[in-house]
Amino acid sequence: MAKVYDIQRSKLRWLTALVMLFSLIPSALLLTVGVLVLVLGHATKDVVFGVLILGLASTLLGGVVATVLYVRRETTVARLQTEFVSKVSHDLRTPLTSIRLFVETLQEGRVRDPEKVRQALDVIAVETTRLSAMINRLLGWARMEAGRRVYRMELESPAAIIEAALTAFEPQRLTADVVLEPRVEEDLPPVRADLAAMSEAMLNLLQNAFHYTGPQKRIHVTCARHGGLVAIAVSDNGPGIAKKDQGRIFEKFYRVARDEAEVVVQGTGLGLAMVHHIVRAHGGRTEVHSDLGHGATFTILLPAAVAAEGGPEGRSL
């Protein structure tokens, strides 16, 4: 994979050199000519030609800069997509390998003890569930990207959204020592939300906090009114997120680079992008606040609904 990145960087350097050779140098020459015409020319036509030349040079220079920035961004996206495909392929192969191994073992009759047969079947069931969840997440993201996901908006209590997310998170919470502290203000206004979609977004934040904390996991869930908004926040005691990463952490495929000494977190890089997409479809926004070594807080801000509103409403984004 590193070799592929080196090739991409080499191509980008060559492209930058070509742009400078065939665009920046002519732009500089045009600017020089325009300045000379304005300085040395005395007739009205000389001034007009000078202004036109400077305008042409400025437009060309601006186009070159925009092209370089666009190419750099697309190159970054292409690299992230390559990482994503490689990561997903590996994540899909791992449960498939386990399933195939245990199926072959059972088919060939190498295990006859009923207890061990049951254990093998349990492993197959767990890996199948894991595989299904992964595929469902990818399909869900594809629907969002294509604008085919429909949200059934209804008046929902913020407490109901949090409760649904915590219920879905419970099986994972029981697999480790987790101190989970929910705190919801009383008399919060309702929000217009798709309960399933918003609890899915909350679950993504809880799972993210679970994965990025150490053995002593502490997760705080708070919900409070914030002006005309309802703020639902998930905080953890993980390693935190660098300032340079906070501006891009909700981008699809983006994953925060970690030190080699830190535990590698499994995932596709889509979880926070899905959160951002779902919240935006609800007319809200997502925020992250973090300092390295002091954990992170992800906040979902949703507009408070007017109590008189009601009725289901479909919305696609």
C-alpha atoms as a PDB file:
ATOM      1  CA  MET A   1       0.000   0.000   0.000  1.00  0.00           C
ATOM      2  CA  ALA A   2       2.873   2.385   0.762  1.00  0.00           C
ATOM      3  CA  LYS A   3       4.225   1.799  -2.748  1.00  0.00           C
ATOM      4  CA  VAL A   4       0.879   2.844  -4.217  1.00  0.00           C
ATOM      5  CA  TYR A   5       0.940   6.050  -2.159  1.00  0.00           C
ATOM      6  CA  ASP A   6       4.509   6.813  -3.352  1.00  0.00           C
ATOM      7  CA  ILE A   7       3.375   6.406  -6.966  1.00  0.00           C
ATOM      8  CA  GLN A   8       0.421   8.727  -6.388  1.00  0.00           C
ATOM      9  CA  ARG A   9       2.627  11.353  -4.763  1.00  0.00           C
ATOM     10  CA  SER A  10       5.105  11.069  -7.647  1.00  0.00           C
ATOM     11  CA  LYS A  11       2.328  11.598 -10.195  1.00  0.00           C
ATOM     12  CA  LEU A  12       1.061  14.611  -8.255  1.00  0.00           C
ATOM     13  CA  ARG A  13       4.559  16.137  -8.224  1.00  0.00           C
ATOM     14  CA  TRP A  14       4.883  15.637 -11.979  1.00  0.00           C
ATOM     15  CA  LEU A  15       1.457  17.196 -12.545  1.00  0.00           C
ATOM     16  CA  THR A  16       2.364  20.182 -10.395  1.00  0.00           C
ATOM     17  CA  ALA A  17       5.617  20.643 -12.326  1.00  0.00           C
ATOM     18  CA  LEU A  18       3.758  20.539 -15.659  1.00  0.00           C
ATOM     19  CA  VAL A  19       1.182  23.064 -14.445  1.00  0.00           C
ATOM     20  CA  MET A  20       3.946  25.404 -13.328  1.00  0.00           C
ATOM     21  CA  LEU A  21       5.805  24.999 -16.621  1.00  0.00           C
ATOM     22  CA  PHE A  22       2.881  25.534 -18.971  1.00  0.00           C
ATOM     23  CA  SER A  23       0.657  27.813 -16.901  1.00  0.00           C
ATOM     24  CA  LEU A  24       2.469  29.673 -14.150  1.00  0.00           C
ATOM     25  CA  ILE A  25       5.369  30.798 -16.335  1.00  0.00           C
ATOM     26  CA  PRO A  26       3.070  32.187 -19.093  1.00  0.00           C
ATOM     27  CA  SER A  27       0.990  33.847 -16.356  1.00  0.00           C
ATOM     28  CA  ALA A  28       4.087  35.510 -14.934  1.00  0.00           C
ATOM     29  CA  LEU A  29       5.145  36.689 -18.401  1.00  0.00           C
ATOM     30  CA  LEU A  30       1.674  38.113 -19.082  1.00  0.00           C
ATOM     31  CA  LEU A  31       1.724  39.939 -15.747  1.00  0.00           C
ATOM     32  CA  THR A  32       5.115  41.394 -16.585  1.00  0.00           C
ATOM     33  CA  VAL A  33       3.968  42.544 -20.028  1.00  0.00           C
ATOM     34  CA  GLY A  34       0.801  44.069 -18.572  1.00  0.00           C
ATOM     35  CA  VAL A  35       2.753  46.001 -15.940  1.00  0.00           C
ATOM     36  CA  LEU A  36       5.256  47.268 -18.539  1.00  0.00           C
ATOM     37  CA  VAL A  37       2.454  48.396 -20.854  1.00  0.00           C
ATOM     38  CA  LEU A  38       0.779  50.298 -18.032  1.00  0.00           C
ATOM     39  CA  VAL A  39       4.024  51.878 -16.846  1.00  0.00           C
ATOM     40  CA  LEU A  40       5.582  52.729 -20.192  1.00  0.00           C
ATOM     41  CA  GLY A  41       2.448  53.322 -22.290  1.00  0.00           C
ATOM     42  CA  HIS A  42       0.923  56.769 -22.500  1.00  0.00           C
ATOM     43  CA  ALA A  43      -1.934  56.366 -24.955  1.00  0.00           C
ATOM     44  CA  THR A  44      -5.390  55.340 -23.829  1.00  0.00           C
ATOM     45  CA  LYS A  45      -5.174  52.170 -25.868  1.00  0.00           C
ATOM     46  CA  ASP A  46      -1.958  51.220 -24.044  1.00  0.00           C
ATOM     47  CA  VAL A  47      -3.743  51.508 -20.706  1.00  0.00           C
ATOM     48  CA  VAL A  48      -6.665  49.438 -21.983  1.00  0.00           C
ATOM     49  CA  PHE A  49      -4.337  46.757 -23.347  1.00  0.00           C
ATOM     50  CA  GLY A  50      -2.408  46.743 -20.068  1.00  0.00           C
ATOM     51  CA  VAL A  51      -5.576  46.267 -18.011  1.00  0.00           C
ATOM     52  CA  LEU A  52      -6.778  43.499 -20.342  1.00  0.00           C
ATOM     53  CA  ILE A  53      -3.441  41.711 -20.147  1.00  0.00           C
ATOM     54  CA  LEU A  54      -3.369  41.943 -16.352  1.00  0.00           C
ATOM     55  CA  GLY A  55      -6.962  40.665 -16.181  1.00  0.00           C
ATOM     56  CA  LEU A  56      -6.116  37.730 -18.451  1.00  0.00           C
ATOM     57  CA  ALA A  57      -3.024  36.888 -16.438  1.00  0.00           C
ATOM     58  CA  SER A  58      -4.928  37.092 -13.136  1.00  0.00           C
ATOM     59  CA  THR A  59      -7.704  34.853 -14.461  1.00  0.00           C
ATOM     60  CA  LEU A  60      -5.196  32.331 -15.761  1.00  0.00           C
ATOM     61  CA  LEU A  61      -3.284  32.380 -12.490  1.00  0.00           C
ATOM     62  CA  GLY A  62      -6.470  31.938 -10.467  1.00  0.00           C
ATOM     63  CA  GLY A  63      -7.536  29.040 -12.665  1.00  0.00           C
ATOM     64  CA  VAL A  64      -4.175  27.360 -12.200  1.00  0.00           C
ATOM     65  CA  VAL A  65      -4.353  27.670  -8.408  1.00  0.00           C
ATOM     66  CA  ALA A  66      -7.935  26.344  -8.354  1.00  0.00           C
ATOM     67  CA  THR A  67      -6.951  23.419 -10.602  1.00  0.00           C
ATOM     68  CA  VAL A  68      -4.006  22.473  -8.411  1.00  0.00           C
ATOM     69  CA  LEU A  69      -6.138  22.609  -5.261  1.00  0.00           C
ATOM     70  CA  TYR A  70      -8.868  20.538  -6.911  1.00  0.00           C
ATOM     71  CA  VAL A  71      -6.404  17.921  -8.150  1.00  0.00           C
ATOM     72  CA  ARG A  72      -4.799  17.672  -4.714  1.00  0.00           C
ATOM     73  CA  ARG A  73      -8.200  17.190  -3.086  1.00  0.00           C
ATOM     74  CA  GLU A  74      -9.264  14.556  -5.615  1.00  0.00           C
ATOM     75  CA  THR A  75      -5.951  12.762  -5.144  1.00  0.00           C
ATOM     76  CA  THR A  76      -6.546  12.681  -1.391  1.00  0.00           C
ATOM     77  CA  VAL A  77     -10.086  11.335  -1.895  1.00  0.00           C
ATOM     78  CA  ALA A  78      -8.772   8.689  -4.306  1.00  0.00           C
ATOM     79  CA  ARG A  79      -6.157   7.620  -1.751  1.00  0.00           C
ATOM     80  CA  LEU A  80      -8.798   7.415   0.996  1.00  0.00           C
ATOM     81  CA  GLN A  81     -11.045   5.368  -1.300  1.00  0.00           C
ATOM     82  CA  THR A  82      -8.160   2.988  -1.970  1.00  0.00           C
ATOM     83  CA  GLU A  83      -7.615   2.615   1.770  1.00  0.00           C
ATOM     84  CA  PHE A  84     -11.354   2.119   2.245  1.00  0.00           C
ATOM     85  CA  VAL A  85     -11.601  -0.657  -0.355  1.00  0.00           C
ATOM     86  CA  SER A  86      -8.549  -2.387   1.098  1.00  0.00           C
ATOM     87  CA  LYS A  87      -9.913  -2.093   4.643  1.00  0.00           C
ATOM     88  CA  VAL A  88     -13.399  -3.311   3.739  1.00  0.00           C
ATOM     89  CA  SER A  89     -11.945  -6.227   1.772  1.00  0.00           C
ATOM     90  CA  HIS A  90      -9.898  -7.239   4.798  1.00  0.00           C
ATOM     91  CA  ASP A  91     -12.839  -6.808   7.185  1.00  0.00           C
ATOM     92  CA  LEU A  92     -15.082  -8.927   4.960  1.00  0.00           C
ATOM     93  CA  ARG A  93     -12.462 -11.598   4.494  1.00  0.00           C
ATOM     94  CA  THR A  94     -11.891 -12.086   8.232  1.00  0.00           C
ATOM     95  CA  PRO A  95     -15.418 -13.296   9.172  1.00  0.00           C
ATOM     96  CA  LEU A  96     -15.721 -15.243   5.910  1.00  0.00           C
ATOM     97  CA  THR A  97     -12.495 -17.083   6.726  1.00  0.00           C
ATOM     98  CA  SER A  98     -13.772 -17.972  10.197  1.00  0.00           C
ATOM     99  CA  ILE A  99     -17.119 -19.149   8.829  1.00  0.00           C
ATOM    100  CA  ARG A 100     -15.480 -21.274   6.136  1.00  0.00           C
ATOM    101  CA  LEU A 101     -13.032 -22.803   8.623  1.00  0.00           C
ATOM    102  CA  PHE A 102     -15.732 -23.897  11.060  1.00  0.00           C
ATOM    103  CA  VAL A 103     -18.094 -25.070   8.309  1.00  0.00           C
ATOM    104  CA  GLU A 104     -15.348 -27.269   6.810  1.00  0.00           C
ATOM    105  CA  THR A 105     -14.526 -28.584  10.277  1.00  0.00           C
ATOM    106  CA  LEU A 106     -18.146 -29.582  10.877  1.00  0.00           C
ATOM    107  CA  GLN A 107     -18.626 -31.003   7.375  1.00  0.00           C
ATOM    108  CA  GLU A 108     -15.583 -33.265   7.667  1.00  0.00           C
ATOM    109  CA  GLY A 109     -16.684 -34.505  11.073  1.00  0.00           C
ATOM    110  CA  ARG A 110     -13.456 -33.507  12.822  1.00  0.00           C
ATOM    111  CA  VAL A 111     -15.473 -32.315  15.830  1.00  0.00           C
ATOM    112  CA  ARG A 112     -17.864 -34.792  17.446  1.00  0.00           C
ATOM    113  CA  ASP A 113     -18.148 -33.452  20.969  1.00  0.00           C
ATOM    114  CA  PRO A 114     -21.621 -31.798  21.185  1.00  0.00           C
ATOM    115  CA  GLU A 115     -20.261 -28.956  23.305  1.00  0.00           C
ATOM    116  CA  LYS A 116     -17.550 -28.126  20.774  1.00  0.00           C
ATOM    117  CA  VAL A 117     -20.047 -28.389  17.932  1.00  0.00           C
ATOM    118  CA  ARG A 118     -22.222 -25.861  19.744  1.00  0.00           C
ATOM    119  CA  GLN A 119     -19.248 -23.548  20.227  1.00  0.00           C
ATOM    120  CA  ALA A 120     -18.410 -23.781  16.530  1.00  0.00           C
ATOM    121  CA  LEU A 121     -21.999 -22.954  15.605  1.00  0.00           C
ATOM    122  CA  ASP A 122     -21.949 -20.011  18.019  1.00  0.00           C
ATOM    123  CA  VAL A 123     -18.829 -18.660  16.309  1.00  0.00           C
ATOM    124  CA  ILE A 124     -20.485 -19.048  12.908  1.00  0.00           C
ATOM    125  CA  ALA A 125     -23.560 -17.191  14.170  1.00  0.00           C
ATOM    126  CA  VAL A 126     -21.490 -14.350  15.634  1.00  0.00           C
ATOM    127  CA  GLU A 127     -19.390 -13.953  12.490  1.00  0.00           C
ATOM    128  CA  THR A 128     -22.491 -14.069  10.288  1.00  0.00           C
ATOM    129  CA  THR A 129     -24.095 -11.316  12.372  1.00  0.00           C
ATOM    130  CA  ARG A 130     -20.919  -9.265  12.142  1.00  0.00           C
ATOM    131  CA  LEU A 131     -20.777  -9.751   8.375  1.00  0.00           C
ATOM    132  CA  SER A 132     -24.434  -8.792   7.958  1.00  0.00           C
ATOM    133  CA  ALA A 133     -23.981  -5.647  10.041  1.00  0.00           C
ATOM    134  CA  MET A 134     -20.994  -4.615   7.937  1.00  0.00           C
ATOM    135  CA  ILE A 135     -22.854  -5.151   4.672  1.00  0.00           C
ATOM    136  CA  ASN A 136     -25.931  -3.322   5.976  1.00  0.00           C
ATOM    137  CA  ARG A 137     -23.758  -0.357   6.939  1.00  0.00           C
ATOM    138  CA  LEU A 138     -22.225  -0.212   3.466  1.00  0.00           C
ATOM    139  CA  LEU A 139     -25.648  -0.469   1.818  1.00  0.00           C
ATOM    140  CA  GLY A 140     -27.014   2.215   4.144  1.00  0.00           C
ATOM    141  CA  TRP A 141     -24.183   4.550   3.218  1.00  0.00           C
ATOM    142  CA  ALA A 142     -24.763   3.858  -0.486  1.00  0.00           C
ATOM    143  CA  ARG A 143     -28.438   4.831  -0.084  1.00  0.00           C
ATOM    144  CA  MET A 144     -27.445   8.058   1.657  1.00  0.00           C
ATOM    145  CA  GLU A 145     -24.911   8.958  -1.026  1.00  0.00           C
ATOM    146  CA  ALA A 146     -27.483   8.299  -3.755  1.00  0.00           C
ATOM    147  CA  GLY A 147     -30.133  10.353  -1.923  1.00  0.00           C
ATOM    148  CA  ARG A 148     -32.467   7.363  -1.669  1.00  0.00           C
ATOM    149  CA  ARG A 149     -32.781   7.167   2.116  1.00  0.00           C
ATOM    150  CA  VAL A 150     -36.154   8.428   3.304  1.00  0.00           C
ATOM    151  CA  TYR A 151     -36.552   9.813   6.811  1.00  0.00           C
ATOM    152  CA  ARG A 152     -39.927   9.517   8.550  1.00  0.00           C
ATOM    153  CA  MET A 153     -40.014  12.660  10.634  1.00  0.00           C
ATOM    154  CA  GLU A 154     -42.197  12.683  13.749  1.00  0.00           C
ATOM    155  CA  LEU A 155     -42.188  14.530  17.036  1.00  0.00           C
ATOM    156  CA  GLU A 156     -39.834  12.568  19.261  1.00  0.00           C
ATOM    157  CA  SER A 157     -38.613  13.025  22.791  1.00  0.00           C
ATOM    158  CA  PRO A 158     -34.806  13.419  23.011  1.00  0.00           C
ATOM    159  CA  ALA A 159     -34.919  10.958  25.928  1.00  0.00           C
ATOM    160  CA  ALA A 160     -36.547   8.350  23.643  1.00  0.00           C
ATOM    161  CA  ILE A 161     -33.750   8.764  21.084  1.00  0.00           C
ATOM    162  CA  ILE A 162     -31.093   8.299  23.757  1.00  0.00           C
ATOM    163  CA  GLU A 163     -32.900   5.324  25.289  1.00  0.00           C
ATOM    164  CA  ALA A 164     -33.146   3.585  21.892  1.00  0.00           C
ATOM    165  CA  ALA A 165     -29.431   4.132  21.256  1.00  0.00           C
ATOM    166  CA  LEU A 166     -28.425   2.902  24.727  1.00  0.00           C
ATOM    167  CA  THR A 167     -30.582  -0.210  24.302  1.00  0.00           C
ATOM    168  CA  ALA A 168     -28.873  -1.010  20.987  1.00  0.00           C
ATOM    169  CA  PHE A 169     -25.467  -0.356  22.598  1.00  0.00           C
ATOM    170  CA  GLU A 170     -26.106  -2.617  25.601  1.00  0.00           C
ATOM    171  CA  PRO A 171     -24.793  -5.918  24.075  1.00  0.00           C
ATOM    172  CA  GLN A 172     -21.492  -4.250  23.201  1.00  0.00           C
ATOM    173  CA  ARG A 173     -21.248  -2.530  26.577  1.00  0.00           C
ATOM    174  CA  LEU A 174     -21.467  -5.884  28.349  1.00  0.00           C
ATOM    175  CA  THR A 175     -18.333  -7.134  26.548  1.00  0.00           C
ATOM    176  CA  ALA A 176     -16.061  -4.750  28.474  1.00  0.00           C
ATOM    177  CA  ASP A 177     -15.759  -2.772  31.688  1.00  0.00           C
ATOM    178  CA  VAL A 178     -17.630   0.398  30.735  1.00  0.00           C
ATOM    179  CA  VAL A 179     -18.841   3.155  33.039  1.00  0.00           C
ATOM    180  CA  LEU A 180     -21.775   4.657  31.170  1.00  0.00           C
ATOM    181  CA  GLU A 181     -23.308   7.788  32.659  1.00  0.00           C
ATOM    182  CA  PRO A 182     -26.404   9.203  30.917  1.00  0.00           C
ATOM    183  CA  ARG A 183     -27.778  12.536  32.107  1.00  0.00           C
ATOM    184  CA  VAL A 184     -30.853  14.042  30.440  1.00  0.00           C
ATOM    185  CA  GLU A 185     -32.404  17.344  31.463  1.00  0.00           C
ATOM    186  CA  GLU A 186     -36.071  17.352  32.362  1.00  0.00           C
ATOM    187  CA  ASP A 187     -38.766  19.161  30.363  1.00  0.00           C
ATOM    188  CA  LEU A 188     -36.804  19.147  27.131  1.00  0.00           C
ATOM    189  CA  PRO A 189     -38.761  20.155  24.011  1.00  0.00           C
ATOM    190  CA  PRO A 190     -39.402  17.467  21.387  1.00  0.00           C
ATOM    191  CA  VAL A 191     -37.506  17.319  18.106  1.00  0.00           C
ATOM    192  CA  ARG A 192     -38.690  16.356  14.636  1.00  0.00           C
ATOM    193  CA  ALA A 193     -36.730  13.205  13.932  1.00  0.00           C
ATOM    194  CA  ASP A 194     -36.694   9.756  12.437  1.00  0.00           C
ATOM    195  CA  LEU A 195     -36.276   7.730  15.626  1.00  0.00           C
ATOM    196  CA  ALA A 196     -34.496   4.809  13.934  1.00  0.00           C
ATOM    197  CA  ALA A 197     -32.085   7.040  11.998  1.00  0.00           C
ATOM    198  CA  MET A 198     -31.259   9.346  14.889  1.00  0.00           C
ATOM    199  CA  SER A 199     -30.742   6.473  17.328  1.00  0.00           C
ATOM    200  CA  GLU A 200     -28.430   4.948  14.687  1.00  0.00           C
ATOM    201  CA  ALA A 201     -26.409   8.172  14.666  1.00  0.00           C
ATOM    202  CA  MET A 202     -26.246   8.110  18.462  1.00  0.00           C
ATOM    203  CA  LEU A 203     -25.210   4.455  18.410  1.00  0.00           C
ATOM    204  CA  ASN A 204     -22.354   5.309  16.035  1.00  0.00           C
ATOM    205  CA  LEU A 205     -21.079   7.894  18.514  1.00  0.00           C
ATOM    206  CA  LEU A 206     -21.339   5.419  21.400  1.00  0.00           C
ATOM    207  CA  GLN A 207     -19.486   2.737  19.436  1.00  0.00           C
ATOM    208  CA  ASN A 208     -16.846   5.270  18.439  1.00  0.00           C
ATOM    209  CA  ALA A 209     -16.328   6.183  22.096  1.00  0.00           C
ATOM    210  CA  PHE A 210     -16.198   2.488  23.016  1.00  0.00           C
ATOM    211  CA  HIS A 211     -13.513   1.672  20.435  1.00  0.00           C
ATOM    212  CA  TYR A 212     -11.255   4.648  21.114  1.00  0.00           C
ATOM    213  CA  THR A 213     -11.086   4.340  24.899  1.00  0.00           C
ATOM    214  CA  GLY A 214      -8.686   2.123  26.822  1.00  0.00           C
ATOM    215  CA  PRO A 215      -9.461  -0.650  29.289  1.00  0.00           C
ATOM    216  CA  GLN A 216     -10.974   1.814  31.781  1.00  0.00           C
ATOM    217  CA  LYS A 217     -13.804   3.102  29.623  1.00  0.00           C
ATOM    218  CA  ARG A 218     -15.886   6.063  30.760  1.00  0.00           C
ATOM    219  CA  ILE A 219     -18.634   7.346  28.476  1.00  0.00           C
ATOM    220  CA  HIS A 220     -20.885  10.268  29.374  1.00  0.00           C
ATOM    221  CA  VAL A 221     -24.131  10.938  27.525  1.00  0.00           C
ATOM    222  CA  THR A 222     -25.771  14.295  28.155  1.00  0.00           C
ATOM    223  CA  CYS A 223     -28.806  16.019  26.699  1.00  0.00           C
ATOM    224  CA  ALA A 224     -29.674  19.649  27.354  1.00  0.00           C
ATOM    225  CA  ARG A 225     -31.349  22.632  25.781  1.00  0.00           C
ATOM    226  CA  HIS A 226     -29.042  25.020  23.940  1.00  0.00           C
ATOM    227  CA  GLY A 227     -31.059  28.061  22.973  1.00  0.00           C
ATOM    228  CA  GLY A 228     -33.443  26.963  20.243  1.00  0.00           C
ATOM    229  CA  LEU A 229     -31.581  23.673  19.863  1.00  0.00           C
ATOM    230  CA  VAL A 230     -31.414  20.372  21.714  1.00  0.00           C
ATOM    231  CA  ALA A 231     -27.823  19.248  22.277  1.00  0.00           C
ATOM    232  CA  ILE A 232     -27.075  15.534  22.643  1.00  0.00           C
ATOM    233  CA  ALA A 233     -23.418  14.935  23.537  1.00  0.00           C
ATOM    234  CA  VAL A 234     -21.272  11.817  23.902  1.00  0.00           C
ATOM    235  CA  SER A 235     -17.991  12.254  25.781  1.00  0.00           C
ATOM    236  CA  ASP A 236     -15.231   9.718  26.415  1.00  0.00           C
ATOM    237  CA  ASN A 237     -11.875   9.410  28.175  1.00  0.00           C
ATOM    238  CA  GLY A 238      -9.975   8.347  25.065  1.00  0.00           C
ATOM    239  CA  PRO A 239      -6.729   9.753  23.630  1.00  0.00           C
ATOM    240  CA  GLY A 240      -8.422  12.780  22.106  1.00  0.00           C
ATOM    241  CA  ILE A 241      -8.275  14.183  18.581  1.00  0.00           C
ATOM    242  CA  ALA A 242      -5.670  16.600  17.233  1.00  0.00           C
ATOM    243  CA  LYS A 243      -6.903  20.006  16.095  1.00  0.00           C
ATOM    244  CA  LYS A 244      -5.713  19.337  12.540  1.00  0.00           C
ATOM    245  CA  ASP A 245      -7.980  16.280  12.321  1.00  0.00           C
ATOM    246  CA  GLN A 246     -11.109  17.819  13.850  1.00  0.00           C
ATOM    247  CA  GLY A 247     -11.976  19.749  10.701  1.00  0.00           C
ATOM    248  CA  ARG A 248     -11.979  16.589   8.565  1.00  0.00           C
ATOM    249  CA  ILE A 249     -13.179  13.907  10.937  1.00  0.00           C
ATOM    250  CA  PHE A 250     -16.712  13.891   9.519  1.00  0.00           C
ATOM    251  CA  GLU A 251     -15.479  13.355   5.944  1.00  0.00           C
ATOM    252  CA  LYS A 252     -16.192   9.979   4.376  1.00  0.00           C
ATOM    253  CA  PHE A 253     -13.316   7.473   4.498  1.00  0.00           C
ATOM    254  CA  TYR A 254     -11.267   9.766   6.767  1.00  0.00           C
ATOM    255  CA  ARG A 255      -9.554   8.049   9.676  1.00  0.00           C
ATOM    256  CA  VAL A 256      -7.409   9.723  12.315  1.00  0.00           C
ATOM    257  CA  ALA A 257      -3.781   8.634  12.126  1.00  0.00           C
ATOM    258  CA  ARG A 258      -2.652   6.979  15.363  1.00  0.00           C
ATOM    259  CA  ASP A 259       0.767   6.251  16.803  1.00  0.00           C
ATOM    260  CA  GLU A 260       2.046   2.744  16.210  1.00  0.00           C
ATOM    261  CA  ALA A 261       1.934   2.123  19.972  1.00  0.00           C
ATOM    262  CA  GLU A 262      -1.803   2.729  20.079  1.00  0.00           C
ATOM    263  CA  VAL A 263      -4.374   0.039  19.460  1.00  0.00           C
ATOM    264  CA  VAL A 264      -5.515  -0.147  15.853  1.00  0.00           C
ATOM    265  CA  VAL A 265      -9.266   0.442  15.738  1.00  0.00           C
ATOM    266  CA  GLN A 266     -11.276  -1.613  13.296  1.00  0.00           C
ATOM    267  CA  GLY A 267     -13.676   0.272  11.069  1.00  0.00           C
ATOM    268  CA  THR A 268     -14.377   1.620   7.613  1.00  0.00           C
ATOM    269  CA  GLY A 269     -14.142   5.345   8.263  1.00  0.00           C
ATOM    270  CA  LEU A 270     -17.851   5.811   7.517  1.00  0.00           C
ATOM    271  CA  GLY A 271     -19.341   5.958  11.021  1.00  0.00           C
ATOM    272  CA  LEU A 272     -18.898   9.682  11.699  1.00  0.00           C
ATOM    273  CA  ALA A 273     -19.689  10.554   8.083  1.00  0.00           C
ATOM    274  CA  MET A 274     -23.011   8.738   8.496  1.00  0.00           C
ATOM    275  CA  VAL A 275     -23.680  10.647  11.729  1.00  0.00           C
ATOM    276  CA  HIS A 276     -23.023  13.941   9.950  1.00  0.00           C
ATOM    277  CA  HIS A 277     -25.241  12.952   7.011  1.00  0.00           C
ATOM    278  CA  ILE A 278     -28.169  11.869   9.207  1.00  0.00           C
ATOM    279  CA  VAL A 279     -28.003  14.951  11.436  1.00  0.00           C
ATOM    280  CA  ARG A 280     -27.811  17.268   8.446  1.00  0.00           C
ATOM    281  CA  ALA A 281     -30.919  15.579   7.000  1.00  0.00           C
ATOM    282  CA  HIS A 282     -32.679  16.556  10.255  1.00  0.00           C
ATOM    283  CA  GLY A 283     -31.706  20.212   9.845  1.00  0.00           C
ATOM    284  CA  GLY A 284     -29.091  19.965  12.606  1.00  0.00           C
ATOM    285  CA  ARG A 285     -25.326  20.004  12.838  1.00  0.00           C
ATOM    286  CA  THR A 286     -22.518  18.007  14.434  1.00  0.00           C
ATOM    287  CA  GLU A 287     -19.608  19.346  16.453  1.00  0.00           C
ATOM    288  CA  VAL A 288     -16.490  17.877  18.004  1.00  0.00           C
ATOM    289  CA  HIS A 289     -14.468  19.302  20.890  1.00  0.00           C
ATOM    290  CA  SER A 290     -11.265  17.597  21.985  1.00  0.00           C
ATOM    291  CA  ASP A 291      -7.764  18.066  23.335  1.00  0.00           C
ATOM    292  CA  LEU A 292      -5.083  15.432  22.937  1.00  0.00           C
ATOM    293  CA  GLY A 293      -4.914  13.277  26.033  1.00  0.00           C
ATOM    294  CA  HIS A 294      -8.251  14.514  27.389  1.00  0.00           C
ATOM    295  CA  GLY A 295     -10.856  12.560  25.454  1.00  0.00           C
ATOM    296  CA  ALA A 296     -13.382  13.865  22.946  1.00  0.00           C
ATOM    297  CA  THR A 297     -16.942  15.164  22.967  1.00  0.00           C
ATOM    298  CA  PHE A 298     -19.201  14.735  19.952  1.00  0.00           C
ATOM    299  CA  THR A 299     -22.362  16.817  19.969  1.00  0.00           C
ATOM    300  CA  ILE A 300     -25.527  16.506  17.878  1.00  0.00           C
ATOM    301  CA  LEU A 301     -27.497  19.758  17.725  1.00  0.00           C
ATOM    302  CA  LEU A 302     -31.119  19.441  16.582  1.00  0.00           C
ATOM    303  CA  PRO A 303     -33.713  22.205  16.225  1.00  0.00           C
ATOM    304  CA  ALA A 304     -36.313  22.103  18.963  1.00  0.00           C
ATOM    305  CA  ALA A 305     -39.773  21.449  17.513  1.00  0.00           C
ATOM    306  CA  VAL A 306     -42.909  23.441  18.198  1.00  0.00           C
ATOM    307  CA  ALA A 307     -45.204  21.342  20.404  1.00  0.00           C
ATOM    308  CA  ALA A 308     -48.186  21.927  18.129  1.00  0.00           C
ATOM    309  CA  GLU A 309     -46.479  20.273  15.182  1.00  0.00           C
ATOM    310  CA  GLY A 310     -47.215  16.660  14.453  1.00  0.00           C
ATOM    311  CA  GLY A 311     -47.767  14.015  11.861  1.00  0.00           C
ATOM    312  CA  PRO A 312     -45.295  11.913   9.912  1.00  0.00           C
ATOM    313  CA  GLU A 313     -43.345  13.452   7.121  1.00  0.00           C
ATOM    314  CA  GLY A 314     -41.029  11.857   4.601  1.00  0.00           C
ATOM    315  CA  ARG A 315     -37.759  13.512   3.742  1.00  0.00           C
ATOM    316  CA  SER A 316     -35.019  12.304   1.442  1.00  0.00           C
ATOM    317  CA  LEU A 317     -31.528  13.708   1.224  1.00  0.00           C
END
